[in-house]
Amino acid sequence: MIETPQTVQPVTLGTTMPLPAPSPTSTAVVTGASSGIGADIARELAARGHGVTLVARREDKLRALADELSAVRVEVIAADVADSDARAGLFDEVQRRGLTVDVLVNNAGIGAIGAVAESTVEREVAQVRVNVEALIDLTTRAVQQMVPRGRGAILNVGSTAGFQPFPGQAGYGATKAFVISYTEALAAELAGTGVTVATLNPGPVRTEFLQTAGIDETTFASAFPKFMWMPSRDVARVGVDALARDRGTVIAGLPSLVSTRIFGLIPKRVLLPLLARQHPALRPAT
């Protein structure tokens, strides 16, 4: 079930908090924290008093964000989550620094944009390694630490592209469909354990994602009305609120929520050709 986020309500003393209260020995691990939604989720958690552990490949970007968030304890770990060895050592490194992972945010993500026939095997497989393999690896490690403690929260970043097949980003949309399905199933497994799991599904957001995927932002933006675009910090707030209120699967922004529900009502034989014609990466060159 998809719900829109609401204002966070105070928690009565003695109840379990969906988002664990910050402490000097706890941290929130945020992957893909060097820019965009990941950096803003780290900002949002820090604004609520949580120490954060910033994880991404670009250490210089992480250091700059760490300086900005100096009001809380910030750790920087330069790592590529596509690397299985780096993932295997991540939580051990956090523990070595005297911290417990109370919150995990799987935000790191990449996407190939364009027709599969014009892509490369490496690009198509890389998005599966980051968006799926890394997420399931780190989530499993986190769950197996959090459940015995009876405390923890995990936020997996999906996308509105995961609610229906997405021509022009076929592999990317499929990876995000996995994120949604996996996280909802995991949430059902963990009910009553004290571990909260949620999925944040953004629509159009201006981040470095488009540059990394190799498409012009102006061209891509033309495929979506201006009112669909949402600031990254607002998206981050929706995600952290989803954990704080145990909202499950949330879509950031009313326009994206409405359009996703409408798309879900249209037969795929009608919807998919429409989406293929609309996607800027599939339009014939002029």
Foldseek 3Di string as FASTA:
>chain_A
DADFFDDFDDDDPPDQFLQDQADQAAEEEFEPCLKFLSVLLCVVVLVSPHEYEYEEQDQVSQVVSCVVSVVHHYHYDHDHLLDPVRLVCVQVVSVVVRHDYQEYELDDAAFAFAAPVPDDPCRLVSRCSRLPVSVVSNVVVNCVRCLVVLGHEYEYEAALLCLDQAPRGRSNNVSSVVVLVVQLVVQVVCPPSHYAYAYQHEYAEDMCRCVRNPHDPVLQCVLDDPQRYDYSNQSSVSRVSCSRVSVHYYYRDPVSVVVSVVLVVDPCVVNVVVSLCSGSNNDDDD
